[in-house]
C-alpha atoms as a PDB file:
ATOM      1  CA  MET A   1       0.000   0.000   0.000  1.00  0.00           C
ATOM      2  CA  LEU A   2       1.419   3.352  -1.043  1.00  0.00           C
ATOM      3  CA  ILE A   3       1.187   6.339   1.292  1.00  0.00           C
ATOM      4  CA  SER A   4       1.249   9.976   0.250  1.00  0.00           C
ATOM      5  CA  MET A   5       3.459  12.505   2.032  1.00  0.00           C
ATOM      6  CA  THR A   6       0.770  15.201   1.843  1.00  0.00           C
ATOM      7  CA  GLY A   7      -1.892  15.501   4.510  1.00  0.00           C
ATOM      8  CA  PHE A   8      -3.439  17.334   7.441  1.00  0.00           C
ATOM      9  CA  GLY A   9      -4.620  16.192  10.863  1.00  0.00           C
ATOM     10  CA  ARG A  10      -6.255  17.963  13.799  1.00  0.00           C
ATOM     11  CA  ALA A  11      -7.291  17.022  17.321  1.00  0.00           C
ATOM     12  CA  GLU A  12      -8.340  18.918  20.444  1.00  0.00           C
ATOM     13  CA  SER A  13      -9.408  18.404  24.018  1.00  0.00           C
ATOM     14  CA  GLN A  14     -11.088  20.532  26.689  1.00  0.00           C
ATOM     15  CA  GLU A  15     -10.184  20.286  30.375  1.00  0.00           C
ATOM     16  CA  GLY A  16     -11.606  22.827  32.742  1.00  0.00           C
ATOM     17  CA  GLU A  17     -10.935  26.327  31.482  1.00  0.00           C
ATOM     18  CA  TYR A  18      -8.163  25.190  29.132  1.00  0.00           C
ATOM     19  CA  SER A  19      -8.520  24.021  25.538  1.00  0.00           C
ATOM     20  CA  TYR A  20      -5.667  22.059  23.939  1.00  0.00           C
ATOM     21  CA  LYS A  21      -5.345  21.800  20.144  1.00  0.00           C
ATOM     22  CA  ALA A  22      -2.878  20.021  17.883  1.00  0.00           C
ATOM     23  CA  GLU A  23      -2.579  20.469  14.116  1.00  0.00           C
ATOM     24  CA  VAL A  24      -0.208  18.524  11.873  1.00  0.00           C
ATOM     25  CA  ARG A  25       0.584  19.347   8.253  1.00  0.00           C
ATOM     26  CA  SER A  26       2.893  17.432   5.948  1.00  0.00           C
ATOM     27  CA  VAL A  27       4.279  17.928   2.445  1.00  0.00           C
ATOM     28  CA  ASN A  28       6.775  15.968   0.388  1.00  0.00           C
ATOM     29  CA  ASN A  29      10.462  15.814   1.255  1.00  0.00           C
ATOM     30  CA  ARG A  30      13.238  13.447   0.247  1.00  0.00           C
ATOM     31  CA  PHE A  31      13.897  12.761   3.926  1.00  0.00           C
ATOM     32  CA  ILE A  32      11.942  13.450   7.136  1.00  0.00           C
ATOM     33  CA  GLU A  33      11.994  16.922   8.642  1.00  0.00           C
ATOM     34  CA  VAL A  34       9.914  17.835  11.687  1.00  0.00           C
ATOM     35  CA  THR A  35       9.258  21.347  12.966  1.00  0.00           C
ATOM     36  CA  THR A  36       7.212  22.281  16.031  1.00  0.00           C
ATOM     37  CA  ARG A  37       5.390  25.379  17.235  1.00  0.00           C
ATOM     38  CA  LEU A  38       4.637  25.133  20.937  1.00  0.00           C
ATOM     39  CA  PRO A  39       3.468  27.362  23.798  1.00  0.00           C
ATOM     40  CA  LYS A  40       6.374  28.478  25.972  1.00  0.00           C
ATOM     41  CA  SER A  41       5.057  26.395  28.821  1.00  0.00           C
ATOM     42  CA  PHE A  42       5.384  23.252  26.694  1.00  0.00           C
ATOM     43  CA  ALA A  43       8.792  23.971  25.150  1.00  0.00           C
ATOM     44  CA  ASN A  44      10.249  20.832  26.736  1.00  0.00           C
ATOM     45  CA  LEU A  45       7.865  18.707  24.648  1.00  0.00           C
ATOM     46  CA  GLU A  46       9.695  19.464  21.412  1.00  0.00           C
ATOM     47  CA  HIS A  47      11.902  16.369  21.523  1.00  0.00           C
ATOM     48  CA  PRO A  48       9.128  13.896  22.548  1.00  0.00           C
ATOM     49  CA  LEU A  49       6.879  15.313  19.824  1.00  0.00           C
ATOM     50  CA  LYS A  50       9.539  14.925  17.136  1.00  0.00           C
ATOM     51  CA  LYS A  51      10.175  11.382  18.301  1.00  0.00           C
ATOM     52  CA  LEU A  52       6.433  10.657  18.145  1.00  0.00           C
ATOM     53  CA  VAL A  53       6.160  12.041  14.604  1.00  0.00           C
ATOM     54  CA  LYS A  54       9.131   9.982  13.384  1.00  0.00           C
ATOM     55  CA  SER A  55       7.559   6.841  14.828  1.00  0.00           C
ATOM     56  CA  LYS A  56       4.456   7.451  12.697  1.00  0.00           C
ATOM     57  CA  CYS A  57       5.948   8.900   9.484  1.00  0.00           C
ATOM     58  CA  ALA A  58       8.979   7.833   7.448  1.00  0.00           C
ATOM     59  CA  ARG A  59       9.348  10.775   5.053  1.00  0.00           C
ATOM     60  CA  GLY A  60       8.036  14.289   4.559  1.00  0.00           C
ATOM     61  CA  SER A  61       8.277  17.839   5.883  1.00  0.00           C
ATOM     62  CA  ILE A  62       5.989  17.740   8.885  1.00  0.00           C
ATOM     63  CA  ASN A  63       4.906  20.719  10.949  1.00  0.00           C
ATOM     64  CA  ILE A  64       3.110  20.193  14.245  1.00  0.00           C
ATOM     65  CA  THR A  65       1.471  23.143  16.023  1.00  0.00           C
ATOM     66  CA  ILE A  66       0.188  23.073  19.607  1.00  0.00           C
ATOM     67  CA  THR A  67      -2.062  25.820  20.953  1.00  0.00           C
ATOM     68  CA  LEU A  68      -3.380  26.409  24.458  1.00  0.00           C
ATOM     69  CA  ASP A  69      -6.454  28.581  25.059  1.00  0.00           C
ATOM     70  CA  ASN A  70      -8.070  29.768  28.274  1.00  0.00           C
ATOM     71  CA  SER A  71     -11.846  30.145  28.124  1.00  0.00           C
ATOM     72  CA  ASN A  72     -11.702  33.100  30.512  1.00  0.00           C
ATOM     73  CA  ASP A  73      -9.369  35.436  28.641  1.00  0.00           C
ATOM     74  CA  GLY A  74      -8.890  33.751  25.280  1.00  0.00           C
ATOM     75  CA  THR A  75      -5.278  32.706  25.783  1.00  0.00           C
ATOM     76  CA  GLY A  76      -3.561  30.315  28.131  1.00  0.00           C
ATOM     77  CA  GLU A  77       0.018  30.836  27.066  1.00  0.00           C
ATOM     78  CA  TRP A  78       0.920  33.776  29.331  1.00  0.00           C
ATOM     79  CA  GLU A  79       0.385  34.881  32.907  1.00  0.00           C
ATOM     80  CA  ILE A  80       0.609  38.450  34.264  1.00  0.00           C
ATOM     81  CA  LYS A  81       2.186  38.618  37.721  1.00  0.00           C
ATOM     82  CA  SER A  82       3.215  41.407  40.066  1.00  0.00           C
ATOM     83  CA  ASN A  83       6.703  41.459  41.531  1.00  0.00           C
ATOM     84  CA  LEU A  84       5.792  42.483  45.087  1.00  0.00           C
ATOM     85  CA  HIS A  85       9.276  41.949  46.471  1.00  0.00           C
ATOM     86  CA  LEU A  86      10.796  44.287  43.905  1.00  0.00           C
ATOM     87  CA  ALA A  87       7.949  46.817  44.333  1.00  0.00           C
ATOM     88  CA  THR A  88       8.622  46.948  48.082  1.00  0.00           C
ATOM     89  CA  GLN A  89      12.279  47.680  47.438  1.00  0.00           C
ATOM     90  CA  TYR A  90      11.299  50.453  45.026  1.00  0.00           C
ATOM     91  CA  VAL A  91       8.934  52.039  47.592  1.00  0.00           C
ATOM     92  CA  ASN A  92      11.562  51.865  50.324  1.00  0.00           C
ATOM     93  CA  ALA A  93      14.087  53.484  48.012  1.00  0.00           C
ATOM     94  CA  LEU A  94      11.636  56.238  47.105  1.00  0.00           C
ATOM     95  CA  LYS A  95      10.913  56.906  50.770  1.00  0.00           C
ATOM     96  CA  GLU A  96      14.627  57.083  51.511  1.00  0.00           C
ATOM     97  CA  ILE A  97      15.092  59.637  48.723  1.00  0.00           C
ATOM     98  CA  GLN A  98      12.073  61.644  49.921  1.00  0.00           C
ATOM     99  CA  ASN A  99      13.280  61.765  53.535  1.00  0.00           C
ATOM    100  CA  SER A 100      16.882  62.496  52.698  1.00  0.00           C
ATOM    101  CA  LEU A 101      15.992  65.336  50.370  1.00  0.00           C
ATOM    102  CA  GLU A 102      12.980  66.494  52.430  1.00  0.00           C
ATOM    103  CA  LEU A 103      10.664  66.261  49.421  1.00  0.00           C
ATOM    104  CA  ASP A 104       6.906  66.829  49.589  1.00  0.00           C
ATOM    105  CA  GLY A 105       4.279  64.518  48.062  1.00  0.00           C
ATOM    106  CA  LYS A 106       2.889  61.035  48.508  1.00  0.00           C
ATOM    107  CA  ILE A 107       4.217  57.804  47.188  1.00  0.00           C
ATOM    108  CA  ASN A 108       1.309  56.004  45.484  1.00  0.00           C
ATOM    109  CA  ILE A 109       0.609  53.454  42.734  1.00  0.00           C
ATOM    110  CA  ASN A 110       1.453  55.964  40.044  1.00  0.00           C
ATOM    111  CA  SER A 111       4.904  56.332  41.553  1.00  0.00           C
ATOM    112  CA  VAL A 112       5.827  52.702  41.044  1.00  0.00           C
ATOM    113  CA  ILE A 113       3.596  51.260  38.303  1.00  0.00           C
ATOM    114  CA  GLY A 114       5.932  52.287  35.489  1.00  0.00           C
ATOM    115  CA  LEU A 115       9.128  51.143  37.167  1.00  0.00           C
ATOM    116  CA  ARG A 116      11.070  48.311  35.556  1.00  0.00           C
ATOM    117  CA  ASP A 117      10.007  44.685  36.210  1.00  0.00           C
ATOM    118  CA  ILE A 118       7.134  45.598  38.582  1.00  0.00           C
ATOM    119  CA  ILE A 119       4.780  43.689  36.275  1.00  0.00           C
ATOM    120  CA  LYS A 120       6.030  40.350  34.906  1.00  0.00           C
ATOM    121  CA  VAL A 121       4.724  38.486  31.864  1.00  0.00           C
ATOM    122  CA  GLU A 122       5.606  34.814  32.138  1.00  0.00           C
ATOM    123  CA  PRO A 123       4.683  31.597  30.324  1.00  0.00           C
ATOM    124  CA  ALA A 124       1.614  30.090  31.905  1.00  0.00           C
ATOM    125  CA  SER A 125       2.413  27.474  34.505  1.00  0.00           C
ATOM    126  CA  VAL A 126       0.786  24.199  33.485  1.00  0.00           C
ATOM    127  CA  ASP A 127       0.463  21.020  35.462  1.00  0.00           C
ATOM    128  CA  PRO A 128       3.186  18.654  34.190  1.00  0.00           C
ATOM    129  CA  ALA A 129       0.524  15.943  34.093  1.00  0.00           C
ATOM    130  CA  LYS A 130      -0.998  17.825  31.155  1.00  0.00           C
ATOM    131  CA  GLU A 131       2.043  16.969  29.063  1.00  0.00           C
ATOM    132  CA  SER A 132       0.862  13.376  28.603  1.00  0.00           C
ATOM    133  CA  LEU A 133      -2.547  14.734  27.613  1.00  0.00           C
ATOM    134  CA  LEU A 134      -0.901  16.918  24.998  1.00  0.00           C
ATOM    135  CA  LEU A 135       1.089  14.011  23.589  1.00  0.00           C
ATOM    136  CA  ASP A 136      -2.132  12.001  23.322  1.00  0.00           C
ATOM    137  CA  ILE A 137      -3.782  14.854  21.416  1.00  0.00           C
ATOM    138  CA  ALA A 138      -0.763  15.103  19.108  1.00  0.00           C
ATOM    139  CA  GLU A 139      -0.945  11.362  18.460  1.00  0.00           C
ATOM    140  CA  SER A 140      -4.641  11.693  17.574  1.00  0.00           C
ATOM    141  CA  ALA A 141      -3.782  14.474  15.130  1.00  0.00           C
ATOM    142  CA  LEU A 142      -1.091  12.259  13.595  1.00  0.00           C
ATOM    143  CA  THR A 143      -3.629   9.445  13.230  1.00  0.00           C
ATOM    144  CA  ALA A 144      -5.907  11.813  11.319  1.00  0.00           C
ATOM    145  CA  LEU A 145      -2.934  12.956   9.224  1.00  0.00           C
ATOM    146  CA  ASN A 146      -1.978   9.416   8.290  1.00  0.00           C
ATOM    147  CA  LYS A 147      -5.575   8.556   7.412  1.00  0.00           C
ATOM    148  CA  MET A 148      -5.531  11.360   4.851  1.00  0.00           C
ATOM    149  CA  ARG A 149      -2.079  10.297   3.625  1.00  0.00           C
ATOM    150  CA  ILE A 150      -3.312   6.728   3.125  1.00  0.00           C
ATOM    151  CA  GLU A 151      -6.401   7.883   1.215  1.00  0.00           C
ATOM    152  CA  GLU A 152      -4.267  10.086  -1.020  1.00  0.00           C
ATOM    153  CA  GLY A 153      -1.818   7.200  -1.444  1.00  0.00           C
ATOM    154  CA  GLU A 154      -4.636   4.994  -2.761  1.00  0.00           C
ATOM    155  CA  HIS A 155      -5.402   7.563  -5.472  1.00  0.00           C
ATOM    156  CA  LEU A 156      -1.721   7.779  -6.401  1.00  0.00           C
ATOM    157  CA  GLN A 157      -1.430   3.998  -6.509  1.00  0.00           C
ATOM    158  CA  ARG A 158      -4.344   3.687  -8.931  1.00  0.00           C
ATOM    159  CA  ASP A 159      -2.792   6.324 -11.152  1.00  0.00           C
ATOM    160  CA  LEU A 160       0.652   4.693 -11.081  1.00  0.00           C
ATOM    161  CA  SER A 161      -0.837   1.260 -11.755  1.00  0.00           C
ATOM    162  CA  GLY A 162      -2.530   2.589 -14.877  1.00  0.00           C
ATOM    163  CA  ARG A 163       0.700   4.157 -16.097  1.00  0.00           C
ATOM    164  CA  ILE A 164       2.655   0.934 -15.545  1.00  0.00           C
ATOM    165  CA  ASP A 165       0.002  -0.891 -17.581  1.00  0.00           C
ATOM    166  CA  THR A 166       0.508   1.673 -20.350  1.00  0.00           C
ATOM    167  CA  ILE A 167       4.277   1.095 -20.379  1.00  0.00           C
ATOM    168  CA  GLU A 168       3.734  -2.657 -20.490  1.00  0.00           C
ATOM    169  CA  LYS A 169       1.345  -2.252 -23.417  1.00  0.00           C
ATOM    170  CA  HIS A 170       3.848  -0.134 -25.373  1.00  0.00           C
ATOM    171  CA  ALA A 171       6.662  -2.592 -24.579  1.00  0.00           C
ATOM    172  CA  ALA A 172       4.542  -5.449 -25.967  1.00  0.00           C
ATOM    173  CA  GLN A 173       4.006  -3.471 -29.165  1.00  0.00           C
ATOM    174  CA  ILE A 174       7.753  -2.857 -29.477  1.00  0.00           C
ATOM    175  CA  LYS A 175       8.459  -6.567 -28.971  1.00  0.00           C
ATOM    176  CA  LYS A 176       5.903  -7.468 -31.625  1.00  0.00           C
ATOM    177  CA  ARG A 177       7.286  -4.890 -34.032  1.00  0.00           C
ATOM    178  CA  GLN A 178      10.923  -6.028 -33.829  1.00  0.00           C
ATOM    179  CA  PRO A 179      10.696  -9.050 -36.241  1.00  0.00           C
ATOM    180  CA  GLU A 180       8.728  -6.901 -38.657  1.00  0.00           C
ATOM    181  CA  VAL A 181      11.490  -4.287 -38.603  1.00  0.00           C
ATOM    182  CA  ILE A 182      14.088  -6.923 -39.514  1.00  0.00           C
ATOM    183  CA  GLN A 183      11.945  -8.227 -42.372  1.00  0.00           C
ATOM    184  CA  ASP A 184      11.276  -4.695 -43.643  1.00  0.00           C
ATOM    185  CA  TYR A 185      15.006  -4.005 -43.579  1.00  0.00           C
ATOM    186  CA  LYS A 186      15.705  -7.190 -45.506  1.00  0.00           C
ATOM    187  CA  THR A 187      13.150  -6.237 -48.160  1.00  0.00           C
ATOM    188  CA  ARG A 188      14.478  -2.692 -48.485  1.00  0.00           C
ATOM    189  CA  LEU A 189      18.047  -3.940 -48.690  1.00  0.00           C
ATOM    190  CA  ARG A 190      17.149  -6.418 -51.435  1.00  0.00           C
ATOM    191  CA  GLU A 191      15.411  -3.722 -53.451  1.00  0.00           C
ATOM    192  CA  LYS A 192      18.272  -1.277 -52.974  1.00  0.00           C
ATOM    193  CA  VAL A 193      20.929  -3.798 -54.041  1.00  0.00           C
ATOM    194  CA  LYS A 194      18.829  -4.831 -57.005  1.00  0.00           C
ATOM    195  CA  LEU A 195      18.521  -1.208 -58.057  1.00  0.00           C
ATOM    196  CA  LEU A 196      22.236  -0.533 -57.688  1.00  0.00           C
ATOM    197  CA  ASN A 197      23.135  -3.722 -59.589  1.00  0.00           C
ATOM    198  CA  ASP A 198      20.759  -2.753 -62.370  1.00  0.00           C
ATOM    199  CA  GLY A 199      18.750  -5.915 -62.006  1.00  0.00           C
ATOM    200  CA  ILE A 200      21.661  -8.296 -61.646  1.00  0.00           C
ATOM    201  CA  GLY A 201      21.097 -11.174 -59.216  1.00  0.00           C
ATOM    202  CA  ILE A 202      21.613 -10.671 -55.488  1.00  0.00           C
ATOM    203  CA  ASP A 203      24.100 -12.587 -53.390  1.00  0.00           C
ATOM    204  CA  LYS A 204      21.728 -14.324 -50.976  1.00  0.00           C
ATOM    205  CA  ASP A 205      24.474 -15.191 -48.521  1.00  0.00           C
ATOM    206  CA  ARG A 206      25.614 -11.578 -48.319  1.00  0.00           C
ATOM    207  CA  LEU A 207      21.996 -10.443 -47.914  1.00  0.00           C
ATOM    208  CA  ALA A 208      21.501 -12.932 -45.094  1.00  0.00           C
ATOM    209  CA  GLN A 209      24.739 -11.765 -43.472  1.00  0.00           C
ATOM    210  CA  GLU A 210      23.734  -8.085 -43.568  1.00  0.00           C
ATOM    211  CA  THR A 211      20.291  -8.917 -42.209  1.00  0.00           C
ATOM    212  CA  ALA A 212      21.844 -10.929 -39.365  1.00  0.00           C
ATOM    213  CA  ILE A 213      24.160  -8.032 -38.492  1.00  0.00           C
ATOM    214  CA  LEU A 214      21.209  -5.661 -38.245  1.00  0.00           C
ATOM    215  CA  ALA A 215      19.196  -8.180 -36.242  1.00  0.00           C
ATOM    216  CA  ASP A 216      22.040  -8.512 -33.752  1.00  0.00           C
ATOM    217  CA  ARG A 217      22.618  -4.773 -33.509  1.00  0.00           C
ATOM    218  CA  CYS A 218      18.928  -4.049 -32.989  1.00  0.00           C
ATOM    219  CA  ASP A 219      18.179  -7.003 -30.720  1.00  0.00           C
ATOM    220  CA  ILE A 220      16.317  -5.753 -27.627  1.00  0.00           C
ATOM    221  CA  THR A 221      15.318  -9.126 -26.191  1.00  0.00           C
ATOM    222  CA  GLU A 222      17.368  -8.632 -23.012  1.00  0.00           C
ATOM    223  CA  GLU A 223      16.009  -5.117 -22.520  1.00  0.00           C
ATOM    224  CA  ILE A 224      12.423  -6.344 -22.908  1.00  0.00           C
ATOM    225  CA  ILE A 225      13.011  -9.113 -20.352  1.00  0.00           C
ATOM    226  CA  ARG A 226      14.600  -6.745 -17.822  1.00  0.00           C
ATOM    227  CA  LEU A 227      11.898  -4.149 -18.422  1.00  0.00           C
ATOM    228  CA  SER A 228       9.213  -6.746 -17.716  1.00  0.00           C
ATOM    229  CA  SER A 229      11.004  -7.716 -14.495  1.00  0.00           C
ATOM    230  CA  HIS A 230      11.210  -4.072 -13.359  1.00  0.00           C
ATOM    231  CA  LEU A 231       7.509  -3.526 -14.055  1.00  0.00           C
ATOM    232  CA  ASN A 232       6.637  -6.595 -11.963  1.00  0.00           C
ATOM    233  CA  GLN A 233       8.854  -5.345  -9.119  1.00  0.00           C
ATOM    234  CA  PHE A 234       7.127  -1.971  -9.308  1.00  0.00           C
ATOM    235  CA  ARG A 235       3.710  -3.621  -8.926  1.00  0.00           C
ATOM    236  CA  LYS A 236       4.838  -5.816  -6.025  1.00  0.00           C
ATOM    237  CA  LEU A 237       5.748  -2.722  -4.008  1.00  0.00           C
ATOM    238  CA  PHE A 238       2.074  -1.674  -4.102  1.00  0.00           C
ATOM    239  CA  ASP A 239       1.500  -4.373  -1.465  1.00  0.00           C
ATOM    240  CA  SER A 240       4.534  -3.490   0.652  1.00  0.00           C
ATOM    241  CA  THR A 241       3.968  -2.712   4.328  1.00  0.00           C
ATOM    242  CA  GLU A 242       7.135  -0.600   4.360  1.00  0.00           C
ATOM    243  CA  PRO A 243       7.614   2.873   2.837  1.00  0.00           C
ATOM    244  CA  ALA A 244       8.154   2.239  -0.869  1.00  0.00           C
ATOM    245  CA  GLY A 245       8.851   5.684  -2.344  1.00  0.00           C
ATOM    246  CA  ARG A 246      12.632   5.424  -2.612  1.00  0.00           C
ATOM    247  CA  LYS A 247      12.530   1.882  -3.987  1.00  0.00           C
ATOM    248  CA  LEU A 248      10.000   2.933  -6.608  1.00  0.00           C
ATOM    249  CA  GLU A 249      12.245   5.845  -7.589  1.00  0.00           C
ATOM    250  CA  PHE A 250      15.168   3.437  -8.060  1.00  0.00           C
ATOM    251  CA  ILE A 251      13.099   0.991 -10.135  1.00  0.00           C
ATOM    252  CA  THR A 252      11.873   3.880 -12.273  1.00  0.00           C
ATOM    253  CA  GLN A 253      15.496   4.802 -12.996  1.00  0.00           C
ATOM    254  CA  GLU A 254      16.175   1.212 -14.064  1.00  0.00           C
ATOM    255  CA  ILE A 255      13.098   1.193 -16.309  1.00  0.00           C
ATOM    256  CA  ASN A 256      14.315   4.397 -17.902  1.00  0.00           C
ATOM    257  CA  ARG A 257      17.759   2.841 -18.463  1.00  0.00           C
ATOM    258  CA  GLU A 258      16.263  -0.090 -20.386  1.00  0.00           C
ATOM    259  CA  VAL A 259      14.002   2.183 -22.419  1.00  0.00           C
ATOM    260  CA  ASN A 260      16.927   4.436 -23.359  1.00  0.00           C
ATOM    261  CA  THR A 261      18.852   1.405 -24.600  1.00  0.00           C
ATOM    262  CA  MET A 262      15.861   0.259 -26.626  1.00  0.00           C
ATOM    263  CA  GLY A 263      15.591   3.715 -28.157  1.00  0.00           C
ATOM    264  CA  SER A 264      19.282   3.806 -29.091  1.00  0.00           C
ATOM    265  CA  LYS A 265      18.978   0.431 -30.852  1.00  0.00           C
ATOM    266  CA  SER A 266      15.860   1.347 -32.759  1.00  0.00           C
ATOM    267  CA  SER A 267      15.996   2.476 -36.368  1.00  0.00           C
ATOM    268  CA  ASP A 268      12.252   2.219 -36.893  1.00  0.00           C
ATOM    269  CA  THR A 269       9.954   5.232 -36.638  1.00  0.00           C
ATOM    270  CA  GLU A 270       7.093   3.315 -35.052  1.00  0.00           C
ATOM    271  CA  MET A 271       9.339   1.799 -32.382  1.00  0.00           C
ATOM    272  CA  SER A 272      10.937   5.191 -31.728  1.00  0.00           C
ATOM    273  CA  ASN A 273       7.504   6.731 -31.236  1.00  0.00           C
ATOM    274  CA  LEU A 274       6.592   3.986 -28.750  1.00  0.00           C
ATOM    275  CA  VAL A 275       9.827   4.640 -26.837  1.00  0.00           C
ATOM    276  CA  ILE A 276       8.935   8.338 -26.689  1.00  0.00           C
ATOM    277  CA  GLU A 277       5.500   7.454 -25.301  1.00  0.00           C
ATOM    278  CA  ILE A 278       7.080   5.283 -22.616  1.00  0.00           C
ATOM    279  CA  LYS A 279       9.537   8.037 -21.635  1.00  0.00           C
ATOM    280  CA  SER A 280       6.671  10.537 -21.425  1.00  0.00           C
ATOM    281  CA  THR A 281       4.781   8.159 -19.120  1.00  0.00           C
ATOM    282  CA  LEU A 282       7.906   7.650 -17.008  1.00  0.00           C
ATOM    283  CA  GLU A 283       8.222  11.395 -16.527  1.00  0.00           C
ATOM    284  CA  LYS A 284       4.676  11.518 -15.157  1.00  0.00           C
ATOM    285  CA  ILE A 285       5.478   8.592 -12.868  1.00  0.00           C
ATOM    286  CA  ARG A 286       8.525  10.454 -11.531  1.00  0.00           C
ATOM    287  CA  GLU A 287       6.326  13.445 -10.719  1.00  0.00           C
ATOM    288  CA  GLN A 288       3.894  11.249  -8.788  1.00  0.00           C
ATOM    289  CA  LEU A 289       6.666   9.484  -6.918  1.00  0.00           C
ATOM    290  CA  GLN A 290       7.795  12.822  -5.509  1.00  0.00           C
ATOM    291  CA  ASN A 291       4.843  12.542  -3.121  1.00  0.00           C
ATOM    292  CA  ILE A 292       5.125   8.865  -2.126  1.00  0.00           C
ATOM    293  CA  GLU A 293       6.463   8.084   1.352  1.00  0.00           C
END
């Protein structure tokens, strides 16, 4: 079963006044690359989350975003706190200045509210027990992601299967055409020699020798056999339980190698056109394989 590298998954949970959400997006990548966006209070979850993603996905650029909302104020990521200890020191210092310099006036809230670090903005403190909850939500989002990736993979597999059938059909036509090409060459050669000799008899042994040379030079039997083997290997990977993208890319390269050889040996327009059709189909297969895990 082929799996796409493109997908999206989302999961959320509500506990008390807090709402936890996880979203996972993935696109194609030759390797696996995981990025995370987390609330400050959950920064230590980056490594466990990356490990979780890599246990579920083999390839792709995967972005996982965690958000924390508080139903009271709309955000649960930050807390506003007063620094009473520092404020007390400020007030005492102001009083000392006032007394020493015999200054009039009262020290009130306006005197200290704008002083540095009186108000602190800190990441919200979250119960460490919530971390396991968050990992569970992330895993649920990954399950949804992989469901979409599997569904997309099924579409890609059907498309690739059809294209492999097309290549096999063209290869069968090339195989069928090869003996006809040899016979056509023999006929043309006989007519050409007859014309050049002004109707004088043709040396049958020499004609047979020239025909045999062409047949050997244009023989693509080995290429057809290897091509058939590669196509069968390609199909077998549809049922693989392991990520098959890289193996399919390698087999596609081998198919292309055989087709190139067949094209270089061909001197027939019809066969050359069939080779072009196969190469065009291979190019479309390569494009699809870019998104297979």
